[in-house]
């Protein structure tokens, strides 16, 4: 069953400090910069981002910036999370594959909008932490796997939507194979210079559209 808000947020109401900070974040950092999809704005207003950052950084959880989450990884800037989510063009009945779970925050935003989220994190400790945080926050429609994101999640394929939150040098072949015909994938592509890329798959082939310049941590392969 889709969980649209956590028990903690419901109990606290909409006048507690984190909820006020979220509303300000959405108004000043996201809507003001051109994100128009109301479902995305509402999801960003609901997800308690402060639960997905380290305790010593929670006073900065709603700032317009990425934040470190350990092991050389970051939680993405809120605007970028909203931008990628809007670019996916989601609907409620979809199952989405995410590569690069990180803190679990992007997965939580997706979980507000779709039926099921499958998310892969290459670092076992981060995967375990994200799994705990998502469960504690009340999200029951997210499955977290520790593994090599380049391989995707083949037994659950095809996916109508795929999002990648680390930057490969080129689009991974396995992810293209796991994208359904009619599907869309959003990911940063590049090494030093990266561009957000929107991939669409049709019966005639694959098209790529590059949009904004971005800076993500590199997507890495599993050790052999």
N, C-alpha and C. Protein backbone atom coordinates (compact mmCIF):
# COMPACT_ATOMS: atom_id res chain seq x y z
N UNK A 1 0.84 -1.19 0.00
CA UNK A 1 0.00 0.00 0.00
C UNK A 1 0.88 1.24 0.00
N UNK A 2 0.52 2.23 -0.80
CA UNK A 2 1.31 3.45 -0.90
C UNK A 2 1.18 4.26 0.37
N UNK A 3 2.30 4.64 0.96
CA UNK A 3 2.31 5.47 2.16
C UNK A 3 2.59 6.90 1.74
N UNK A 4 1.63 7.79 1.98
CA UNK A 4 1.75 9.15 1.48
C UNK A 4 2.33 10.10 2.51
N UNK A 5 2.35 9.73 3.77
CA UNK A 5 2.94 10.58 4.79
C UNK A 5 3.29 9.70 5.97
N UNK A 6 4.26 10.10 6.74
CA UNK A 6 4.68 9.27 7.86
C UNK A 6 3.80 9.53 9.07
N UNK A 7 3.77 8.54 9.96
CA UNK A 7 3.01 8.70 11.19
C UNK A 7 3.57 9.85 12.01
N UNK A 8 4.91 10.01 11.96
CA UNK A 8 5.53 11.09 12.72
C UNK A 8 5.05 12.45 12.25
N UNK A 9 4.98 12.62 10.92
CA UNK A 9 4.56 13.91 10.39
C UNK A 9 3.09 14.16 10.69
N UNK A 10 2.26 13.11 10.55
CA UNK A 10 0.84 13.28 10.85
C UNK A 10 0.65 13.69 12.30
N UNK A 11 1.39 13.01 13.20
CA UNK A 11 1.21 13.29 14.62
C UNK A 11 1.68 14.69 14.98
N UNK A 12 2.76 15.12 14.36
CA UNK A 12 3.31 16.43 14.69
C UNK A 12 2.48 17.57 14.12
N UNK A 13 1.71 17.28 13.03
CA UNK A 13 0.96 18.34 12.39
C UNK A 13 1.85 19.15 11.47
N UNK A 14 1.26 20.19 10.90
CA UNK A 14 1.97 20.97 9.90
C UNK A 14 2.56 22.27 10.46
N UNK A 15 2.56 22.44 11.76
CA UNK A 15 3.08 23.67 12.35
C UNK A 15 4.37 23.46 13.11
N UNK A 16 4.95 22.24 13.07
CA UNK A 16 6.22 22.03 13.74
C UNK A 16 7.34 22.61 12.88
N UNK A 17 8.50 22.80 13.49
CA UNK A 17 9.60 23.49 12.81
C UNK A 17 10.03 22.80 11.51
N UNK A 18 10.21 21.45 11.48
CA UNK A 18 10.59 20.84 10.21
C UNK A 18 9.56 21.05 9.10
N UNK A 19 8.28 20.99 9.44
CA UNK A 19 7.25 21.19 8.41
C UNK A 19 7.29 22.61 7.87
N UNK A 20 7.52 23.58 8.75
CA UNK A 20 7.65 24.97 8.30
C UNK A 20 8.87 25.11 7.40
N UNK A 21 9.98 24.48 7.80
CA UNK A 21 11.20 24.54 6.98
C UNK A 21 10.97 23.90 5.63
N UNK A 22 10.21 22.80 5.59
CA UNK A 22 9.92 22.17 4.30
C UNK A 22 9.10 23.07 3.40
N UNK A 23 8.11 23.73 3.96
CA UNK A 23 7.29 24.63 3.14
C UNK A 23 8.15 25.76 2.57
N UNK A 24 9.02 26.30 3.40
CA UNK A 24 9.92 27.36 2.91
C UNK A 24 10.85 26.83 1.83
N UNK A 25 11.37 25.61 2.03
CA UNK A 25 12.26 24.99 1.03
C UNK A 25 11.54 24.87 -0.30
N UNK A 26 10.31 24.36 -0.26
CA UNK A 26 9.55 24.17 -1.50
C UNK A 26 9.26 25.50 -2.17
N UNK A 27 8.85 26.50 -1.41
CA UNK A 27 8.50 27.80 -1.98
C UNK A 27 9.72 28.51 -2.56
N UNK A 28 10.81 28.57 -1.76
CA UNK A 28 11.94 29.41 -2.13
C UNK A 28 12.96 28.72 -3.03
N UNK A 29 13.13 27.40 -2.87
CA UNK A 29 14.20 26.70 -3.59
C UNK A 29 13.70 25.90 -4.78
N UNK A 30 12.44 25.52 -4.77
CA UNK A 30 11.95 24.57 -5.76
C UNK A 30 10.90 25.21 -6.68
N UNK A 31 9.79 25.64 -6.12
CA UNK A 31 8.76 26.28 -6.96
C UNK A 31 9.28 27.56 -7.58
N UNK A 32 10.05 28.33 -6.81
CA UNK A 32 10.57 29.60 -7.33
C UNK A 32 11.57 29.39 -8.47
N UNK A 33 12.12 28.20 -8.60
CA UNK A 33 13.10 27.91 -9.65
C UNK A 33 12.49 27.14 -10.82
N UNK A 34 11.17 27.04 -10.84
CA UNK A 34 10.53 26.54 -12.05
C UNK A 34 9.90 25.17 -11.98
N UNK A 35 9.97 24.47 -10.84
CA UNK A 35 9.29 23.18 -10.74
C UNK A 35 7.79 23.46 -10.58
N UNK A 36 6.98 22.87 -11.47
CA UNK A 36 5.56 23.20 -11.52
C UNK A 36 4.65 22.02 -11.19
N UNK A 37 5.16 20.80 -11.25
CA UNK A 37 4.32 19.64 -11.00
C UNK A 37 3.85 19.64 -9.54
N UNK A 38 2.55 19.78 -9.34
CA UNK A 38 2.04 19.94 -7.99
C UNK A 38 2.25 18.69 -7.14
N UNK A 39 2.14 17.52 -7.76
CA UNK A 39 2.37 16.29 -7.00
C UNK A 39 3.80 16.22 -6.49
N UNK A 40 4.76 16.67 -7.29
CA UNK A 40 6.16 16.69 -6.85
C UNK A 40 6.34 17.70 -5.72
N UNK A 41 5.77 18.88 -5.86
CA UNK A 41 5.87 19.89 -4.80
C UNK A 41 5.26 19.37 -3.50
N UNK A 42 4.12 18.70 -3.60
CA UNK A 42 3.48 18.16 -2.40
C UNK A 42 4.33 17.08 -1.76
N UNK A 43 4.93 16.21 -2.59
CA UNK A 43 5.79 15.16 -2.04
C UNK A 43 6.99 15.76 -1.32
N UNK A 44 7.61 16.77 -1.92
CA UNK A 44 8.75 17.42 -1.28
C UNK A 44 8.34 18.11 0.02
N UNK A 45 7.09 18.53 0.10
CA UNK A 45 6.59 19.16 1.32
C UNK A 45 6.33 18.15 2.42
N UNK A 46 6.14 16.90 2.05
CA UNK A 46 5.79 15.87 3.04
C UNK A 46 7.00 15.12 3.58
N UNK A 47 7.99 14.84 2.73
CA UNK A 47 9.07 13.94 3.15
C UNK A 47 9.98 14.64 4.17
N UNK A 48 10.18 14.03 5.34
CA UNK A 48 11.00 14.65 6.40
C UNK A 48 12.50 14.51 6.10
N UNK A 49 13.03 15.44 5.30
CA UNK A 49 14.43 15.33 4.86
C UNK A 49 15.40 15.28 6.03
N UNK A 50 15.04 15.92 7.15
CA UNK A 50 15.96 15.94 8.29
C UNK A 50 16.24 14.55 8.83
N UNK A 51 15.33 13.59 8.60
CA UNK A 51 15.57 12.22 9.06
C UNK A 51 16.60 11.50 8.22
N UNK A 52 16.90 12.02 7.04
CA UNK A 52 17.79 11.35 6.09
C UNK A 52 19.19 11.94 6.07
N UNK A 53 19.48 12.90 6.94
CA UNK A 53 20.82 13.47 7.03
C UNK A 53 21.41 13.11 8.39
N UNK A 54 22.73 13.13 8.52
CA UNK A 54 23.34 12.83 9.81
C UNK A 54 22.85 13.78 10.91
N UNK A 55 22.74 13.31 12.14
CA UNK A 55 22.20 14.15 13.22
C UNK A 55 22.89 15.48 13.38
N UNK A 56 24.21 15.53 13.18
CA UNK A 56 24.92 16.79 13.37
C UNK A 56 24.68 17.80 12.25
N UNK A 57 23.97 17.38 11.19
CA UNK A 57 23.67 18.29 10.08
C UNK A 57 22.18 18.59 9.94
N UNK A 58 21.39 18.16 10.90
CA UNK A 58 19.94 18.31 10.76
C UNK A 58 19.48 19.76 10.77
N UNK A 59 20.26 20.64 11.35
CA UNK A 59 19.88 22.05 11.30
C UNK A 59 20.07 22.63 9.90
N UNK A 60 20.73 21.88 9.01
CA UNK A 60 20.93 22.31 7.62
C UNK A 60 20.14 21.47 6.63
N UNK A 61 19.26 20.63 7.14
CA UNK A 61 18.58 19.65 6.29
C UNK A 61 17.78 20.29 5.17
N UNK A 62 17.26 21.49 5.38
CA UNK A 62 16.40 22.13 4.37
C UNK A 62 17.09 23.28 3.65
N UNK A 63 18.42 23.32 3.77
CA UNK A 63 19.20 24.30 3.01
C UNK A 63 19.26 23.89 1.55
N UNK A 64 19.55 24.86 0.70
CA UNK A 64 19.61 24.63 -0.75
C UNK A 64 21.00 24.12 -1.14
N UNK A 65 21.33 22.93 -0.64
CA UNK A 65 22.68 22.41 -0.87
C UNK A 65 22.70 20.90 -0.66
N UNK A 66 23.60 20.18 -1.36
CA UNK A 66 23.84 18.78 -0.98
C UNK A 66 24.56 18.73 0.36
N UNK A 67 24.46 17.60 1.05
CA UNK A 67 25.10 17.44 2.35
C UNK A 67 25.78 16.07 2.40
N UNK A 68 26.92 15.97 3.09
CA UNK A 68 27.59 14.68 3.20
C UNK A 68 26.80 13.71 4.08
N UNK A 69 26.81 12.44 3.68
CA UNK A 69 26.13 11.41 4.48
C UNK A 69 27.09 10.29 4.88
N UNK A 70 28.39 10.49 4.63
CA UNK A 70 29.38 9.49 4.98
C UNK A 70 29.84 8.68 3.78
N UNK A 71 31.04 8.09 3.91
CA UNK A 71 31.64 7.23 2.89
C UNK A 71 31.78 7.93 1.53
N UNK A 72 32.00 9.24 1.58
CA UNK A 72 32.22 10.01 0.37
C UNK A 72 30.97 10.28 -0.44
N UNK A 73 29.79 10.04 0.13
CA UNK A 73 28.53 10.20 -0.58
C UNK A 73 27.76 11.41 -0.03
N UNK A 74 26.77 11.85 -0.79
CA UNK A 74 25.99 13.02 -0.41
C UNK A 74 24.50 12.76 -0.60
N UNK A 75 23.70 13.54 0.12
CA UNK A 75 22.27 13.65 -0.17
C UNK A 75 22.13 14.85 -1.10
N UNK A 76 21.41 14.67 -2.19
CA UNK A 76 21.38 15.69 -3.24
C UNK A 76 20.66 16.96 -2.77
N UNK A 77 21.01 18.06 -3.41
CA UNK A 77 20.34 19.34 -3.22
C UNK A 77 18.84 19.15 -3.46
N UNK A 78 17.97 19.73 -2.62
CA UNK A 78 16.53 19.54 -2.80
C UNK A 78 16.03 19.90 -4.19
N UNK A 79 16.52 20.97 -4.77
CA UNK A 79 16.08 21.35 -6.11
C UNK A 79 16.37 20.25 -7.13
N UNK A 80 17.55 19.64 -7.04
CA UNK A 80 17.91 18.59 -7.99
C UNK A 80 17.01 17.37 -7.81
N UNK A 81 16.70 17.03 -6.56
CA UNK A 81 15.77 15.93 -6.31
C UNK A 81 14.43 16.22 -6.97
N UNK A 82 13.93 17.43 -6.80
CA UNK A 82 12.65 17.80 -7.40
C UNK A 82 12.75 17.82 -8.92
N UNK A 83 13.85 18.33 -9.45
CA UNK A 83 14.04 18.41 -10.90
C UNK A 83 14.01 17.02 -11.53
N UNK A 84 14.76 16.08 -10.94
CA UNK A 84 14.81 14.74 -11.49
C UNK A 84 13.47 14.04 -11.36
N UNK A 85 12.81 14.27 -10.23
CA UNK A 85 11.51 13.63 -10.01
C UNK A 85 10.49 14.15 -11.01
N UNK A 86 10.46 15.45 -11.24
CA UNK A 86 9.54 16.00 -12.22
C UNK A 86 9.86 15.48 -13.62
N UNK A 87 11.15 15.39 -13.95
CA UNK A 87 11.55 14.93 -15.28
C UNK A 87 11.13 13.48 -15.56
N UNK A 88 10.93 12.69 -14.51
CA UNK A 88 10.50 11.31 -14.71
C UNK A 88 9.07 11.20 -15.22
N UNK A 89 8.24 12.23 -14.98
CA UNK A 89 6.83 12.21 -15.41
C UNK A 89 6.13 10.97 -14.86
N UNK A 90 6.00 10.91 -13.54
CA UNK A 90 5.52 9.73 -12.84
C UNK A 90 4.00 9.63 -12.81
N UNK A 91 3.52 8.39 -12.62
CA UNK A 91 2.11 8.16 -12.33
C UNK A 91 2.01 7.13 -11.22
N UNK A 92 0.87 7.09 -10.55
CA UNK A 92 0.69 6.29 -9.34
C UNK A 92 0.92 4.80 -9.54
N UNK A 93 0.62 4.27 -10.71
CA UNK A 93 0.63 2.83 -10.90
C UNK A 93 2.01 2.28 -11.26
N UNK A 94 3.02 3.12 -11.27
CA UNK A 94 4.33 2.69 -11.75
C UNK A 94 5.20 2.07 -10.66
N UNK A 95 6.11 1.21 -11.10
CA UNK A 95 7.22 0.74 -10.28
C UNK A 95 8.49 1.38 -10.84
N UNK A 96 9.28 2.00 -9.97
CA UNK A 96 10.46 2.76 -10.39
C UNK A 96 11.71 2.09 -9.85
N UNK A 97 12.74 2.03 -10.69
CA UNK A 97 14.06 1.58 -10.27
C UNK A 97 14.94 2.79 -10.01
N UNK A 98 15.53 2.84 -8.82
CA UNK A 98 16.51 3.88 -8.50
C UNK A 98 17.87 3.22 -8.33
N UNK A 99 18.88 3.82 -8.94
CA UNK A 99 20.26 3.38 -8.76
C UNK A 99 20.98 4.45 -7.95
N UNK A 100 21.48 4.06 -6.78
CA UNK A 100 22.15 5.01 -5.90
C UNK A 100 21.25 5.45 -4.76
N UNK A 101 20.94 4.54 -3.85
CA UNK A 101 20.02 4.84 -2.75
C UNK A 101 20.53 5.96 -1.87
N UNK A 102 21.83 5.93 -1.54
CA UNK A 102 22.39 6.94 -0.65
C UNK A 102 21.68 6.95 0.68
N UNK A 103 21.15 8.10 1.07
CA UNK A 103 20.45 8.24 2.34
C UNK A 103 19.06 7.63 2.33
N UNK A 104 18.50 7.44 1.13
CA UNK A 104 17.11 6.99 1.01
C UNK A 104 16.13 8.10 0.76
N UNK A 105 16.60 9.36 0.73
CA UNK A 105 15.68 10.50 0.59
C UNK A 105 14.98 10.52 -0.77
N UNK A 106 15.73 10.35 -1.85
CA UNK A 106 15.09 10.34 -3.16
C UNK A 106 14.07 9.20 -3.26
N UNK A 107 14.40 8.05 -2.70
CA UNK A 107 13.46 6.93 -2.71
C UNK A 107 12.18 7.28 -1.96
N UNK A 108 12.30 8.01 -0.85
CA UNK A 108 11.12 8.42 -0.10
C UNK A 108 10.24 9.36 -0.92
N UNK A 109 10.86 10.30 -1.63
CA UNK A 109 10.09 11.20 -2.49
C UNK A 109 9.37 10.40 -3.56
N UNK A 110 10.06 9.46 -4.18
CA UNK A 110 9.42 8.61 -5.20
C UNK A 110 8.28 7.80 -4.59
N UNK A 111 8.48 7.30 -3.38
CA UNK A 111 7.47 6.46 -2.73
C UNK A 111 6.17 7.21 -2.49
N UNK A 112 6.25 8.53 -2.37
CA UNK A 112 5.04 9.34 -2.23
C UNK A 112 4.22 9.38 -3.52
N UNK A 113 4.85 9.03 -4.64
CA UNK A 113 4.25 9.30 -5.95
C UNK A 113 3.92 8.06 -6.77
N UNK A 114 4.51 6.91 -6.43
CA UNK A 114 4.33 5.72 -7.26
C UNK A 114 3.96 4.52 -6.39
N UNK A 115 3.64 3.43 -7.06
CA UNK A 115 3.22 2.21 -6.37
C UNK A 115 4.37 1.54 -5.63
N UNK A 116 5.53 1.41 -6.29
CA UNK A 116 6.64 0.66 -5.71
C UNK A 116 7.96 1.25 -6.16
N UNK A 117 8.94 1.27 -5.25
CA UNK A 117 10.28 1.75 -5.56
C UNK A 117 11.26 0.62 -5.25
N UNK A 118 12.12 0.30 -6.22
CA UNK A 118 13.22 -0.64 -6.04
C UNK A 118 14.51 0.15 -6.15
N UNK A 119 15.33 0.12 -5.10
CA UNK A 119 16.50 0.99 -5.08
C UNK A 119 17.75 0.20 -4.72
N UNK A 120 18.83 0.47 -5.43
CA UNK A 120 20.08 -0.29 -5.32
C UNK A 120 21.19 0.63 -4.85
N UNK A 121 21.91 0.21 -3.82
CA UNK A 121 23.03 0.97 -3.27
C UNK A 121 24.26 0.06 -3.20
N UNK A 122 25.37 0.52 -3.76
CA UNK A 122 26.56 -0.32 -3.82
C UNK A 122 27.27 -0.46 -2.47
N UNK A 123 27.10 0.51 -1.57
CA UNK A 123 27.77 0.47 -0.27
C UNK A 123 26.85 -0.17 0.77
N UNK A 124 27.20 -1.33 1.30
CA UNK A 124 26.29 -2.06 2.20
C UNK A 124 25.86 -1.27 3.42
N UNK A 125 26.78 -0.51 4.02
CA UNK A 125 26.41 0.24 5.22
C UNK A 125 25.37 1.31 4.92
N UNK A 126 25.53 2.00 3.78
CA UNK A 126 24.53 3.00 3.40
C UNK A 126 23.19 2.35 3.09
N UNK A 127 23.23 1.20 2.41
CA UNK A 127 21.98 0.49 2.10
C UNK A 127 21.24 0.12 3.38
N UNK A 128 21.98 -0.40 4.36
CA UNK A 128 21.34 -0.80 5.62
C UNK A 128 20.77 0.40 6.35
N UNK A 129 21.52 1.51 6.36
CA UNK A 129 21.04 2.71 7.04
C UNK A 129 19.79 3.26 6.36
N UNK A 130 19.83 3.30 5.02
CA UNK A 130 18.66 3.80 4.29
C UNK A 130 17.44 2.93 4.54
N UNK A 131 17.64 1.62 4.56
CA UNK A 131 16.53 0.69 4.82
C UNK A 131 15.91 0.98 6.19
N UNK A 132 16.74 1.21 7.20
CA UNK A 132 16.22 1.52 8.54
C UNK A 132 15.48 2.84 8.55
N UNK A 133 16.08 3.86 7.93
CA UNK A 133 15.46 5.18 7.95
C UNK A 133 14.12 5.17 7.24
N UNK A 134 14.06 4.53 6.09
CA UNK A 134 12.80 4.45 5.35
C UNK A 134 11.73 3.73 6.15
N UNK A 135 12.11 2.64 6.83
CA UNK A 135 11.15 1.91 7.65
C UNK A 135 10.68 2.75 8.83
N UNK A 136 11.62 3.42 9.49
CA UNK A 136 11.26 4.25 10.63
C UNK A 136 10.38 5.43 10.22
N UNK A 137 10.57 5.92 9.01
CA UNK A 137 9.77 7.03 8.51
C UNK A 137 8.40 6.58 8.00
N UNK A 138 8.18 5.28 7.91
CA UNK A 138 6.87 4.77 7.58
C UNK A 138 6.67 4.37 6.13
N UNK A 139 7.75 4.31 5.35
CA UNK A 139 7.60 3.95 3.94
C UNK A 139 7.68 2.44 3.78
N UNK A 140 6.59 1.87 3.29
CA UNK A 140 6.48 0.42 3.14
C UNK A 140 6.54 -0.03 1.68
N UNK A 141 6.59 0.92 0.77
CA UNK A 141 6.59 0.57 -0.65
C UNK A 141 7.96 0.81 -1.30
N UNK A 142 9.02 0.64 -0.49
CA UNK A 142 10.40 0.76 -0.99
C UNK A 142 11.16 -0.50 -0.63
N UNK A 143 11.79 -1.10 -1.62
CA UNK A 143 12.68 -2.24 -1.39
C UNK A 143 14.12 -1.78 -1.68
N UNK A 144 15.01 -2.03 -0.71
CA UNK A 144 16.41 -1.61 -0.81
C UNK A 144 17.29 -2.85 -0.99
N UNK A 145 18.18 -2.77 -1.98
CA UNK A 145 19.14 -3.86 -2.21
C UNK A 145 20.55 -3.29 -2.20
N UNK A 146 21.46 -4.02 -1.57
CA UNK A 146 22.88 -3.68 -1.67
C UNK A 146 23.46 -4.46 -2.84
N UNK A 147 23.98 -3.74 -3.84
CA UNK A 147 24.52 -4.42 -5.00
C UNK A 147 25.07 -3.45 -6.01
N UNK A 148 25.46 -3.98 -7.15
CA UNK A 148 26.07 -3.22 -8.22
C UNK A 148 24.99 -2.57 -9.07
N UNK A 149 24.89 -1.24 -9.01
CA UNK A 149 23.86 -0.54 -9.75
C UNK A 149 23.95 -0.69 -11.25
N UNK A 150 25.16 -0.95 -11.75
CA UNK A 150 25.31 -1.15 -13.20
C UNK A 150 24.51 -2.35 -13.70
N UNK A 151 24.18 -3.26 -12.79
CA UNK A 151 23.43 -4.46 -13.18
C UNK A 151 21.93 -4.27 -13.04
N UNK A 152 21.51 -3.18 -12.41
CA UNK A 152 20.09 -2.93 -12.23
C UNK A 152 19.45 -3.92 -11.29
N UNK A 153 18.18 -4.27 -11.59
CA UNK A 153 17.41 -5.23 -10.78
C UNK A 153 16.67 -6.12 -11.78
N UNK A 154 17.39 -7.03 -12.46
CA UNK A 154 16.84 -7.70 -13.64
C UNK A 154 15.57 -8.50 -13.39
N UNK A 155 15.46 -9.13 -12.21
CA UNK A 155 14.28 -9.97 -11.99
C UNK A 155 12.99 -9.18 -11.82
N UNK A 156 13.10 -7.86 -11.62
CA UNK A 156 11.91 -7.01 -11.52
C UNK A 156 11.67 -6.22 -12.80
N UNK A 157 12.55 -6.34 -13.77
CA UNK A 157 12.42 -5.60 -15.03
C UNK A 157 11.29 -6.20 -15.87
N UNK A 158 10.76 -5.42 -16.82
CA UNK A 158 11.18 -4.05 -17.18
C UNK A 158 10.53 -3.00 -16.28
N UNK A 159 11.17 -1.84 -16.23
CA UNK A 159 10.68 -0.70 -15.45
C UNK A 159 10.23 0.40 -16.40
N UNK A 160 9.11 1.01 -16.08
CA UNK A 160 8.66 2.13 -16.91
C UNK A 160 9.45 3.39 -16.61
N UNK A 161 10.07 3.45 -15.43
CA UNK A 161 10.89 4.60 -15.07
C UNK A 161 12.14 4.13 -14.32
N UNK A 162 13.28 4.75 -14.65
CA UNK A 162 14.54 4.50 -13.95
C UNK A 162 15.19 5.84 -13.65
N UNK A 163 15.71 5.98 -12.43
CA UNK A 163 16.45 7.18 -12.04
C UNK A 163 17.80 6.75 -11.49
N UNK A 164 18.83 7.46 -11.89
CA UNK A 164 20.19 7.16 -11.44
C UNK A 164 20.73 8.40 -10.75
N UNK A 165 21.19 8.25 -9.50
CA UNK A 165 21.61 9.41 -8.72
C UNK A 165 23.12 9.43 -8.47
N UNK A 166 23.86 8.80 -9.36
CA UNK A 166 25.31 8.93 -9.44
C UNK A 166 25.63 8.96 -10.93
N UNK A 167 26.80 9.49 -11.28
CA UNK A 167 27.08 9.77 -12.69
C UNK A 167 27.96 8.70 -13.33
N UNK A 168 27.42 7.93 -14.28
CA UNK A 168 28.27 7.05 -15.08
C UNK A 168 28.89 7.85 -16.23
N UNK A 169 29.99 7.33 -16.75
CA UNK A 169 30.60 7.98 -17.91
C UNK A 169 29.74 7.88 -19.15
N UNK A 170 28.97 6.81 -19.23
CA UNK A 170 28.01 6.63 -20.32
C UNK A 170 26.83 5.84 -19.77
N UNK A 171 25.74 5.82 -20.50
CA UNK A 171 24.53 5.17 -20.01
C UNK A 171 24.75 3.65 -19.95
N UNK A 172 24.55 3.04 -18.79
CA UNK A 172 24.79 1.59 -18.67
C UNK A 172 23.84 0.77 -19.55
N UNK A 173 24.42 -0.18 -20.27
CA UNK A 173 23.65 -1.00 -21.20
C UNK A 173 22.56 -1.79 -20.49
N UNK A 174 22.88 -2.34 -19.31
CA UNK A 174 21.90 -3.15 -18.59
C UNK A 174 20.68 -2.34 -18.20
N UNK A 175 20.88 -1.07 -17.86
CA UNK A 175 19.74 -0.23 -17.48
C UNK A 175 18.88 0.09 -18.70
N UNK A 176 19.51 0.31 -19.83
CA UNK A 176 18.73 0.50 -21.06
C UNK A 176 17.91 -0.75 -21.37
N UNK A 177 18.51 -1.92 -21.18
CA UNK A 177 17.80 -3.17 -21.45
C UNK A 177 16.62 -3.35 -20.49
N UNK A 178 16.75 -2.84 -19.25
CA UNK A 178 15.69 -3.01 -18.26
C UNK A 178 14.63 -1.91 -18.32
N UNK A 179 14.83 -0.92 -19.18
CA UNK A 179 13.83 0.12 -19.38
C UNK A 179 12.77 -0.38 -20.35
N UNK A 180 11.51 -0.27 -19.96
CA UNK A 180 10.42 -0.75 -20.81
C UNK A 180 10.27 0.13 -22.05
N UNK A 181 9.74 -0.44 -23.10
CA UNK A 181 9.37 0.36 -24.26
C UNK A 181 8.29 1.35 -23.83
N UNK A 182 8.49 2.60 -24.19
CA UNK A 182 7.63 3.67 -23.70
C UNK A 182 8.10 4.28 -22.39
N UNK A 183 9.22 3.75 -21.87
CA UNK A 183 9.73 4.19 -20.58
C UNK A 183 10.68 5.36 -20.67
N UNK A 184 11.03 5.87 -19.50
CA UNK A 184 11.91 7.04 -19.39
C UNK A 184 12.93 6.82 -18.29
N UNK A 185 14.17 7.24 -18.54
CA UNK A 185 15.24 7.19 -17.55
C UNK A 185 15.85 8.57 -17.43
N UNK A 186 16.12 8.99 -16.17
CA UNK A 186 16.73 10.28 -15.90
C UNK A 186 18.02 10.03 -15.13
N UNK A 187 19.12 10.59 -15.61
CA UNK A 187 20.41 10.35 -14.96
C UNK A 187 21.42 11.42 -15.37
N UNK A 188 22.40 11.69 -14.49
CA UNK A 188 23.54 12.52 -14.89
C UNK A 188 24.53 11.66 -15.64
N UNK A 189 25.10 12.19 -16.71
CA UNK A 189 26.06 11.42 -17.51
C UNK A 189 27.30 12.27 -17.72
N UNK A 190 28.46 11.66 -17.51
CA UNK A 190 29.72 12.35 -17.74
C UNK A 190 30.71 12.07 -16.64
N UNK A 191 31.95 12.48 -16.88
CA UNK A 191 33.00 12.31 -15.87
C UNK A 191 33.23 13.66 -15.19
N UNK A 192 34.13 14.45 -15.69
CA UNK A 192 34.34 15.76 -15.07
C UNK A 192 33.19 16.70 -15.39
N UNK A 193 32.79 16.76 -16.65
CA UNK A 193 31.63 17.55 -17.06
C UNK A 193 30.43 16.62 -17.18
N UNK A 194 29.37 16.95 -16.47
CA UNK A 194 28.18 16.10 -16.46
C UNK A 194 26.96 16.90 -16.91
N UNK A 195 26.05 16.21 -17.58
CA UNK A 195 24.77 16.80 -17.98
C UNK A 195 23.64 15.87 -17.53
N UNK A 196 22.57 16.49 -17.02
CA UNK A 196 21.39 15.68 -16.77
C UNK A 196 20.86 15.21 -18.12
N UNK A 197 20.52 13.94 -18.18
CA UNK A 197 20.12 13.33 -19.45
C UNK A 197 18.78 12.61 -19.26
N UNK A 198 17.87 12.86 -20.18
CA UNK A 198 16.56 12.19 -20.17
C UNK A 198 16.53 11.23 -21.35
N UNK A 199 16.38 9.96 -21.04
CA UNK A 199 16.37 8.89 -22.04
C UNK A 199 14.94 8.40 -22.21
N UNK A 200 14.50 8.31 -23.44
CA UNK A 200 13.20 7.71 -23.73
C UNK A 200 13.40 6.53 -24.67
N UNK A 201 12.61 5.49 -24.46
CA UNK A 201 12.75 4.26 -25.24
C UNK A 201 11.45 3.99 -25.98
N UNK A 202 11.54 3.84 -27.26
CA UNK A 202 10.39 3.55 -28.11
C UNK A 202 10.65 2.25 -28.86
N UNK A 203 9.66 1.82 -29.60
CA UNK A 203 9.84 0.64 -30.42
C UNK A 203 10.86 0.82 -31.51
N UNK A 204 11.18 2.09 -31.82
CA UNK A 204 12.15 2.38 -32.87
C UNK A 204 13.57 2.59 -32.34
N UNK A 205 13.72 2.69 -31.02
CA UNK A 205 15.05 2.90 -30.47
C UNK A 205 15.03 3.81 -29.26
N UNK A 206 16.18 4.40 -28.97
CA UNK A 206 16.38 5.22 -27.77
C UNK A 206 16.76 6.62 -28.18
N UNK A 207 16.17 7.62 -27.51
CA UNK A 207 16.57 9.01 -27.72
C UNK A 207 17.11 9.57 -26.40
N UNK A 208 18.06 10.49 -26.51
CA UNK A 208 18.66 11.13 -25.35
C UNK A 208 18.54 12.64 -25.49
N UNK A 209 18.10 13.28 -24.40
CA UNK A 209 18.02 14.74 -24.35
C UNK A 209 18.84 15.22 -23.17
N UNK A 210 19.84 16.05 -23.42
CA UNK A 210 20.65 16.60 -22.34
C UNK A 210 20.07 17.94 -21.91
N UNK A 211 20.05 18.17 -20.58
CA UNK A 211 19.47 19.41 -20.07
C UNK A 211 20.53 20.18 -19.27
N UNK A 212 20.38 20.28 -17.97
CA UNK A 212 21.20 21.19 -17.17
C UNK A 212 22.56 20.56 -16.82
N UNK A 213 23.59 21.40 -16.63
CA UNK A 213 24.85 20.88 -16.09
C UNK A 213 24.69 20.55 -14.61
N UNK A 214 25.32 19.46 -14.18
CA UNK A 214 25.20 19.01 -12.79
C UNK A 214 26.54 18.49 -12.31
N UNK A 215 26.61 18.22 -11.01
CA UNK A 215 27.80 17.62 -10.43
C UNK A 215 27.35 16.56 -9.43
N UNK A 216 27.51 15.29 -9.78
CA UNK A 216 27.17 14.17 -8.92
C UNK A 216 28.43 13.37 -8.61
N UNK A 217 28.38 12.59 -7.54
CA UNK A 217 29.46 11.64 -7.27
C UNK A 217 29.46 10.62 -8.40
N UNK A 218 30.63 10.08 -8.77
CA UNK A 218 30.68 9.11 -9.87
C UNK A 218 29.99 7.80 -9.50
N UNK A 219 29.39 7.18 -10.49
CA UNK A 219 28.84 5.85 -10.34
C UNK A 219 29.98 4.86 -10.45
N UNK A 220 30.08 3.96 -9.48
CA UNK A 220 31.23 3.05 -9.46
C UNK A 220 30.74 1.61 -9.61
N UNK A 221 31.59 0.80 -10.18
CA UNK A 221 31.31 -0.61 -10.35
C UNK A 221 31.70 -1.35 -9.07
N UNK A 222 31.09 -2.50 -8.86
CA UNK A 222 31.44 -3.32 -7.70
C UNK A 222 32.85 -3.87 -7.86
N UNK A 223 33.61 -4.01 -6.78
CA UNK A 223 34.94 -4.62 -6.87
C UNK A 223 34.83 -6.06 -7.36
N UNK A 224 35.84 -6.49 -8.12
CA UNK A 224 35.80 -7.84 -8.69
C UNK A 224 36.76 -8.76 -7.96
